[in-house]
């Protein structure tokens, strides 16, 4: 009888101990987990946008490798946890929820406007810092406490190009050919407003579908208004087709566009049609690095992954580096990372950027022109022409 009681007591103790250990295991990270800092990344790793993601991911991986080779973040390894949304907004939402449940991460990186926009309310509800890039929608972070964006906003691109056309080229009559979505319409409105404020005006404006490939009818219609310049706003394949057909139809005026020109897909598909075209861009030109940080990055990226010309790689690299610094300074929480970033002047490959209160990080822009197959800066954001 005594033995039965003893074994009952021992059994009860074991069960209670197992329950306590189980609770601790679910509430506390393991020793291995405590030695790792994780950053989430929801990207279209497969599908039509995969080529761009490879460039972005390579930049992120290069930064993580440098950080870990230098001892990590306070001795802890940095790990990027990837989720593939396949270019589908619904998959983005599912991936975000999976990262929340499985990893409980304080910060998650995403890209592209349609894939990132649905994640904003989820980030807000869960107190997770969403860090978006390759997102051009104006005011992307407005009204959100836990949403950050590091990329070129279309409204700033449009303002700079309108300013360049009027102040540097003396152009007053312009046409706009823009993709029929929020990005295209927003860029058109800002370009029009800026042009009119500076004394110019829009003589013709046409929209096109993202899947459009034949622009000849649209262009013929636009040419009847005799624009001195046409501002093109679009993406990838349709964008490249429009550039080619503007050259083929012999448009005699100035062709100008956005940072979208500076992508491998557009460069390969448009070829010689890019000659003479003006476009807005960050100050990243790997063939002629403007600072030592850029030179070293180009050298390392070329050695690890090959072609460093697609500027997207720079965003992946810079974001991982300054998020790591923010974790080191503010701690591994969304609020700590935010506090460490706001107001800071970041020394990035693309130059110095300031993190504003609304977390909408903007890189200084330039206007460049394709000359002899090379990109040459002709105008800066400060309004100083470089082509005298």
Protein backbone atom coordinates (compact mmCIF):
# COMPACT_ATOMS: atom_id res chain seq x y z
CA UNK A 1 0.00 0.00 0.00
CA UNK A 2 2.82 2.31 0.97
CA UNK A 3 4.62 1.55 -2.32
CA UNK A 4 1.50 2.39 -4.31
CA UNK A 5 1.21 5.76 -2.57
CA UNK A 6 4.90 6.41 -3.19
CA UNK A 7 4.61 5.64 -6.88
CA UNK A 8 1.45 7.77 -7.09
CA UNK A 9 3.30 10.71 -5.55
CA UNK A 10 6.29 10.22 -7.83
CA UNK A 11 4.00 9.99 -10.86
CA UNK A 12 2.16 13.16 -9.86
CA UNK A 13 5.43 15.02 -9.43
CA UNK A 14 6.62 13.90 -12.86
CA UNK A 15 3.36 15.01 -14.50
CA UNK A 16 3.46 18.40 -12.76
CA UNK A 17 7.11 18.86 -13.72
CA UNK A 18 6.33 17.99 -17.36
CA UNK A 19 3.49 20.50 -17.40
CA UNK A 20 5.73 23.24 -15.96
CA UNK A 21 8.50 22.45 -18.44
CA UNK A 22 5.99 22.41 -21.30
CA UNK A 23 4.65 25.82 -20.33
CA UNK A 24 8.15 27.24 -20.11
CA UNK A 25 9.04 25.78 -23.48
CA UNK A 26 6.04 27.47 -25.10
CA UNK A 27 6.63 30.78 -23.35
CA UNK A 28 10.40 31.04 -23.46
CA UNK A 29 12.76 30.69 -26.43
CA UNK A 30 15.21 27.84 -26.39
CA UNK A 31 18.91 28.48 -25.85
CA UNK A 32 19.41 28.08 -29.60
CA UNK A 33 16.61 30.55 -30.34
CA UNK A 34 18.09 33.06 -27.91
CA UNK A 35 21.30 32.98 -29.95
CA UNK A 36 19.51 34.00 -33.16
CA UNK A 37 17.78 37.18 -34.32
CA UNK A 38 15.28 36.62 -37.12
CA UNK A 39 13.90 39.04 -39.71
CA UNK A 40 10.98 37.94 -41.88
CA UNK A 41 10.80 38.53 -45.63
CA UNK A 42 7.67 37.92 -47.73
CA UNK A 43 8.71 38.02 -51.40
CA UNK A 44 7.45 36.68 -54.76
CA UNK A 45 10.26 34.14 -55.02
CA UNK A 46 8.41 32.29 -57.79
CA UNK A 47 6.19 33.59 -60.56
CA UNK A 48 6.59 36.55 -62.96
CA UNK A 49 8.29 38.80 -60.38
CA UNK A 50 10.87 36.23 -59.31
CA UNK A 51 13.70 37.74 -61.36
CA UNK A 52 13.49 41.01 -59.43
CA UNK A 53 13.32 39.13 -56.12
CA UNK A 54 16.52 37.29 -56.85
CA UNK A 55 18.31 40.64 -57.06
CA UNK A 56 16.68 41.96 -53.87
CA UNK A 57 17.30 38.72 -51.99
CA UNK A 58 20.95 38.64 -53.04
CA UNK A 59 21.43 42.11 -51.57
CA UNK A 60 19.79 40.99 -48.34
CA UNK A 61 21.89 37.83 -48.16
CA UNK A 62 25.12 39.75 -48.76
CA UNK A 63 24.30 42.08 -45.85
CA UNK A 64 23.41 39.17 -43.55
CA UNK A 65 26.65 37.41 -44.45
CA UNK A 66 28.68 40.54 -43.64
CA UNK A 67 26.88 41.01 -40.31
CA UNK A 68 27.35 37.38 -39.25
CA UNK A 69 31.00 37.28 -40.34
CA UNK A 70 31.57 40.31 -38.12
CA UNK A 71 30.09 38.57 -35.06
CA UNK A 72 26.37 38.99 -35.68
CA UNK A 73 24.20 41.28 -33.58
CA UNK A 74 25.75 41.40 -30.12
CA UNK A 75 27.08 37.91 -30.73
CA UNK A 76 23.83 36.48 -32.05
CA UNK A 77 23.45 35.26 -35.61
CA UNK A 78 21.09 37.11 -37.96
CA UNK A 79 18.73 34.84 -39.92
CA UNK A 80 16.31 35.96 -42.65
CA UNK A 81 13.17 33.80 -42.73
CA UNK A 82 11.69 33.85 -46.24
CA UNK A 83 8.11 33.21 -47.32
CA UNK A 84 7.07 32.98 -50.99
CA UNK A 85 3.84 34.81 -51.86
CA UNK A 86 4.12 33.82 -55.57
CA UNK A 87 3.13 37.36 -56.54
CA UNK A 88 -0.37 36.89 -55.08
CA UNK A 89 -1.73 39.39 -52.47
CA UNK A 90 -3.77 36.61 -50.80
CA UNK A 91 -0.63 34.54 -50.43
CA UNK A 92 1.10 37.57 -48.89
CA UNK A 93 -1.56 37.71 -46.18
CA UNK A 94 -1.26 33.97 -45.55
CA UNK A 95 2.53 34.21 -45.37
CA UNK A 96 2.34 37.09 -42.89
CA UNK A 97 0.01 35.10 -40.64
CA UNK A 98 2.29 32.06 -40.80
CA UNK A 99 5.29 34.13 -39.75
CA UNK A 100 3.29 35.56 -36.85
CA UNK A 101 2.24 32.14 -35.56
CA UNK A 102 5.45 30.21 -36.18
CA UNK A 103 8.16 32.81 -35.63
CA UNK A 104 6.63 35.72 -33.65
CA UNK A 105 8.90 38.16 -35.46
CA UNK A 106 9.03 41.90 -34.61
CA UNK A 107 9.82 42.99 -38.19
CA UNK A 108 8.83 41.64 -41.62
CA UNK A 109 10.06 42.90 -45.01
CA UNK A 110 7.77 42.90 -48.04
CA UNK A 111 7.86 44.38 -51.53
CA UNK A 112 5.66 45.66 -54.37
CA UNK A 113 2.59 47.83 -53.76
CA UNK A 114 -0.20 45.27 -54.46
CA UNK A 115 1.58 42.63 -52.35
CA UNK A 116 2.45 44.93 -49.45
CA UNK A 117 -0.68 47.09 -49.11
CA UNK A 118 -2.90 44.27 -47.68
CA UNK A 119 -0.31 43.63 -44.96
CA UNK A 120 -0.58 47.10 -43.43
CA UNK A 121 -3.69 46.47 -41.26
CA UNK A 122 -2.23 43.12 -40.12
CA UNK A 123 1.00 44.82 -39.05
CA UNK A 124 -1.02 47.45 -37.19
CA UNK A 125 -3.26 44.95 -35.42
CA UNK A 126 -0.36 42.76 -34.29
CA UNK A 127 2.25 45.41 -33.48
CA UNK A 128 4.68 44.03 -36.08
CA UNK A 129 6.86 46.45 -38.03
CA UNK A 130 6.17 46.01 -41.76
CA UNK A 131 9.12 47.22 -43.84
CA UNK A 132 8.10 47.64 -47.49
CA UNK A 133 10.32 48.29 -50.49
CA UNK A 134 9.78 48.48 -54.29
CA UNK A 135 6.60 50.34 -53.32
CA UNK A 136 5.97 53.64 -55.14
CA UNK A 137 2.45 54.50 -53.96
CA UNK A 138 2.33 58.02 -52.48
CA UNK A 139 1.66 58.22 -48.72
CA UNK A 140 2.03 54.47 -48.30
CA UNK A 141 2.73 54.79 -44.56
CA UNK A 142 0.10 57.46 -43.82
CA UNK A 143 -2.20 56.54 -40.94
CA UNK A 144 -0.14 53.53 -39.85
CA UNK A 145 2.03 53.30 -36.76
CA UNK A 146 3.82 50.07 -37.70
CA UNK A 147 4.36 50.52 -41.45
CA UNK A 148 7.64 51.72 -42.96
CA UNK A 149 8.63 52.19 -46.57
CA UNK A 150 12.10 52.55 -48.05
CA UNK A 151 11.78 53.25 -51.74
CA UNK A 152 11.21 56.00 -54.29
CA UNK A 153 7.72 57.50 -54.06
CA UNK A 154 6.12 58.17 -57.44
CA UNK A 155 5.06 61.67 -56.40
CA UNK A 156 8.67 62.71 -55.76
CA UNK A 157 9.77 61.23 -59.09
CA UNK A 158 7.03 63.09 -60.94
CA UNK A 159 7.81 66.40 -59.24
CA UNK A 160 11.50 66.15 -60.09
CA UNK A 161 10.91 65.22 -63.74
CA UNK A 162 8.40 68.06 -64.25
CA UNK A 163 10.88 70.47 -62.69
CA UNK A 164 13.67 69.23 -64.93
CA UNK A 165 11.60 69.55 -68.11
CA UNK A 166 10.57 73.14 -67.39
CA UNK A 167 13.72 74.51 -65.76
CA UNK A 168 16.40 72.68 -67.73
CA UNK A 169 14.77 71.91 -71.06
CA UNK A 170 12.33 74.84 -71.28
CA UNK A 171 9.44 72.48 -72.09
CA UNK A 172 5.87 73.65 -71.47
CA UNK A 173 3.69 71.30 -73.58
CA UNK A 174 3.80 67.73 -72.28
CA UNK A 175 1.93 64.48 -72.76
CA UNK A 176 1.59 61.67 -70.22
CA UNK A 177 1.25 57.95 -71.02
CA UNK A 178 0.55 56.07 -67.80
CA UNK A 179 -0.49 52.64 -66.55
CA UNK A 180 -4.13 52.48 -65.44
CA UNK A 181 -3.69 51.77 -61.73
CA UNK A 182 -3.17 53.73 -58.51
CA UNK A 183 0.55 54.06 -59.19
CA UNK A 184 0.08 55.45 -62.70
CA UNK A 185 -2.81 57.76 -61.84
CA UNK A 186 -1.01 59.14 -58.79
CA UNK A 187 2.14 59.87 -60.80
CA UNK A 188 0.10 61.56 -63.53
CA UNK A 189 -1.71 63.87 -61.10
CA UNK A 190 1.47 65.00 -59.37
CA UNK A 191 3.28 65.52 -62.69
CA UNK A 192 0.36 67.60 -64.00
CA UNK A 193 0.10 69.72 -60.85
CA UNK A 194 3.84 70.41 -60.76
CA UNK A 195 4.02 71.21 -64.47
CA UNK A 196 1.13 73.66 -64.20
CA UNK A 197 2.61 75.31 -61.12
CA UNK A 198 5.80 75.95 -63.09
CA UNK A 199 3.94 77.42 -66.08
CA UNK A 200 3.54 74.32 -68.26
CA UNK A 201 0.48 72.26 -69.13
CA UNK A 202 -0.64 68.80 -70.27
CA UNK A 203 -1.77 68.70 -73.90
CA UNK A 204 -2.58 64.97 -74.00
CA UNK A 205 -2.86 62.10 -71.52
CA UNK A 206 -3.60 58.43 -72.17
CA UNK A 207 -3.87 55.36 -69.95
CA UNK A 208 -2.87 51.80 -70.82
CA UNK A 209 -3.34 48.36 -69.32
CA UNK A 210 -0.45 46.61 -67.59
CA UNK A 211 -0.75 43.85 -70.21
CA UNK A 212 -0.75 46.23 -73.21
CA UNK A 213 1.84 45.56 -75.91
CA UNK A 214 0.63 47.60 -78.90
CA UNK A 215 0.90 51.36 -78.31
CA UNK A 216 0.89 52.62 -81.91
CA UNK A 217 -2.76 53.71 -81.97
CA UNK A 218 -2.44 55.46 -78.61
CA UNK A 219 0.80 57.19 -79.66
CA UNK A 220 -0.63 58.36 -83.00
CA UNK A 221 -3.51 59.94 -81.10
CA UNK A 222 -1.12 61.65 -78.66
CA UNK A 223 1.11 63.03 -81.43
CA UNK A 224 -1.80 65.05 -82.91
CA UNK A 225 -1.57 67.35 -79.86
CA UNK A 226 2.11 68.12 -80.63
CA UNK A 227 3.60 67.50 -77.18
CA UNK A 228 7.20 68.63 -76.72
CA UNK A 229 7.78 65.75 -74.31
CA UNK A 230 6.03 62.53 -73.28
CA UNK A 231 6.28 61.29 -69.69
CA UNK A 232 5.89 57.50 -69.50
CA UNK A 233 4.82 55.81 -66.27
CA UNK A 234 4.61 52.01 -66.26
CA UNK A 235 6.32 48.73 -65.40
CA UNK A 236 8.37 46.00 -67.01
CA UNK A 237 7.24 44.48 -70.34
CA UNK A 238 4.47 46.91 -71.30
CA UNK A 239 6.77 49.74 -70.29
CA UNK A 240 9.59 48.47 -72.53
CA UNK A 241 7.17 48.01 -75.45
CA UNK A 242 6.00 51.62 -75.15
CA UNK A 243 9.58 52.91 -75.23
CA UNK A 244 10.43 50.84 -78.30
CA UNK A 245 7.32 51.95 -80.19
CA UNK A 246 7.87 55.63 -79.36
CA UNK A 247 11.24 55.36 -81.07
CA UNK A 248 9.86 53.29 -83.97
CA UNK A 249 7.06 55.79 -84.64
CA UNK A 250 9.60 58.60 -84.72
CA UNK A 251 8.45 60.80 -81.85
CA UNK A 252 10.59 63.95 -82.29
CA UNK A 253 10.30 65.30 -78.75
CA UNK A 254 11.80 64.43 -75.36
CA UNK A 255 11.01 61.01 -73.92
CA UNK A 256 11.21 60.86 -70.14
CA UNK A 257 10.23 58.27 -67.56
CA UNK A 258 10.74 56.83 -64.08
CA UNK A 259 13.19 54.63 -62.21
CA UNK A 260 11.42 51.66 -63.86
CA UNK A 261 13.76 52.13 -66.83
CA UNK A 262 16.64 50.95 -64.68
CA UNK A 263 15.72 47.26 -64.60
CA UNK A 264 17.32 44.35 -66.38
CA UNK A 265 14.05 43.38 -68.08
CA UNK A 266 13.48 46.85 -69.56
CA UNK A 267 17.12 47.32 -70.57
CA UNK A 268 17.22 43.95 -72.33
CA UNK A 269 13.87 44.37 -74.09
CA UNK A 270 14.12 48.05 -75.05
CA UNK A 271 17.77 47.94 -76.14
CA UNK A 272 18.77 50.87 -78.37
CA UNK A 273 15.35 52.50 -77.89
CA UNK A 274 16.61 53.75 -74.53
CA UNK A 275 19.19 56.03 -76.13
CA UNK A 276 18.52 59.66 -75.23
CA UNK A 277 15.71 58.86 -72.77
CA UNK A 278 15.65 60.77 -69.47
CA UNK A 279 14.66 59.01 -66.26
CA UNK A 280 14.64 59.57 -62.52
CA UNK A 281 16.93 57.37 -60.45
CA UNK A 282 18.63 57.04 -57.10
CA UNK A 283 22.26 58.10 -57.18
CA UNK A 284 23.54 54.55 -57.71
CA UNK A 285 25.61 53.98 -60.83
CA UNK A 286 27.91 50.97 -60.28
CA UNK A 287 30.06 51.74 -63.33
CA UNK A 288 31.06 55.02 -61.70
CA UNK A 289 30.71 54.71 -57.88
CA UNK A 290 30.33 58.10 -56.19
CA UNK A 291 31.63 57.04 -52.76
CA UNK A 292 33.75 54.39 -51.07
CA UNK A 293 30.78 52.54 -49.57
CA UNK A 294 29.27 52.16 -53.03
CA UNK A 295 32.56 51.04 -54.52
CA UNK A 296 33.00 48.32 -51.90
CA UNK A 297 29.42 47.14 -52.29
CA UNK A 298 29.74 46.85 -56.06
CA UNK A 299 32.98 44.90 -55.66
CA UNK A 300 31.49 42.45 -53.12
CA UNK A 301 28.18 41.99 -54.93
CA UNK A 302 29.91 41.36 -58.25
CA UNK A 303 32.13 38.72 -56.63
CA UNK A 304 29.22 36.92 -54.90
CA UNK A 305 26.36 37.27 -57.37
CA UNK A 306 27.53 38.83 -60.62
CA UNK A 307 25.88 41.86 -62.24
CA UNK A 308 25.40 44.70 -59.68
CA UNK A 309 23.64 47.09 -62.07
CA UNK A 310 20.05 46.53 -60.94
CA UNK A 311 19.58 49.14 -58.21
CA UNK A 312 17.10 46.88 -56.34
CA UNK A 313 20.02 44.96 -54.84
CA UNK A 314 21.06 48.11 -52.97
CA UNK A 315 17.73 48.36 -51.16
CA UNK A 316 17.93 44.78 -49.91
CA UNK A 317 21.49 45.31 -48.69
CA UNK A 318 20.86 48.65 -46.98
CA UNK A 319 17.63 47.62 -45.25
CA UNK A 320 19.15 44.54 -43.60
CA UNK A 321 22.16 46.52 -42.40
CA UNK A 322 20.23 49.34 -40.76
CA UNK A 323 17.60 47.00 -39.29
CA UNK A 324 20.45 45.06 -37.69
CA UNK A 325 21.86 48.30 -36.27
CA UNK A 326 18.41 49.23 -34.95
CA UNK A 327 18.02 45.84 -33.23
CA UNK A 328 21.46 46.28 -31.71
CA UNK A 329 20.54 49.71 -30.36
CA UNK A 330 16.81 49.47 -29.60
CA UNK A 331 16.29 45.79 -28.89
CA UNK A 332 14.44 42.98 -30.63
CA UNK A 333 10.94 44.51 -30.57
CA UNK A 334 8.95 46.48 -33.14
CA UNK A 335 8.82 49.54 -30.89
CA UNK A 336 12.52 49.30 -30.06
CA UNK A 337 13.48 49.08 -33.73
CA UNK A 338 11.23 52.05 -34.58
CA UNK A 339 12.65 54.18 -31.76
CA UNK A 340 16.21 53.40 -32.86
CA UNK A 341 15.46 54.34 -36.48
CA UNK A 342 13.35 57.52 -36.27
CA UNK A 343 15.45 60.64 -36.72
CA UNK A 344 18.59 58.71 -37.60
CA UNK A 345 20.77 59.65 -40.57
CA UNK A 346 21.56 56.39 -42.30
CA UNK A 347 24.80 56.01 -44.22
CA UNK A 348 23.68 53.80 -47.07
CA UNK A 349 25.23 52.67 -50.34
CA UNK A 350 22.94 55.13 -52.17
CA UNK A 351 23.93 58.05 -49.95
CA UNK A 352 22.71 59.49 -46.68
CA UNK A 353 19.00 59.15 -45.91
CA UNK A 354 17.03 60.42 -42.93
CA UNK A 355 14.31 58.35 -41.26
CA UNK A 356 11.28 60.63 -40.69
CA UNK A 357 8.64 60.27 -37.99
CA UNK A 358 6.23 58.64 -40.47
CA UNK A 359 8.87 56.01 -41.42
CA UNK A 360 8.58 56.90 -45.12
CA UNK A 361 12.25 56.84 -46.07
CA UNK A 362 13.08 58.66 -49.30
CA UNK A 363 16.40 58.59 -51.15
CA UNK A 364 17.66 61.74 -52.88
CA UNK A 365 16.91 61.49 -56.60
CA UNK A 366 18.65 62.56 -59.78
CA UNK A 367 17.63 62.80 -63.42
CA UNK A 368 19.85 60.72 -65.68
CA UNK A 369 20.00 60.21 -69.43
CA UNK A 370 21.02 57.21 -71.50
CA UNK A 371 24.03 58.37 -73.52
CA UNK A 372 25.96 55.89 -75.64
CA UNK A 373 24.36 53.05 -73.73
CA UNK A 374 25.56 54.49 -70.40
CA UNK A 375 23.67 56.36 -67.69
CA UNK A 376 24.77 59.96 -67.11
CA UNK A 377 23.45 62.21 -64.35
CA UNK A 378 22.19 65.50 -65.82
CA UNK A 379 20.15 67.05 -63.01
CA UNK A 380 20.04 66.77 -59.21
CA UNK A 381 17.20 67.09 -56.73
CA UNK A 382 18.63 70.42 -55.62
CA UNK A 383 17.91 71.79 -59.08
CA UNK A 384 21.51 72.10 -60.26
CA UNK A 385 21.91 71.18 -63.89
CA UNK A 386 24.95 69.04 -64.70
CA UNK A 387 24.82 69.21 -68.46
CA UNK A 388 26.20 72.69 -69.07
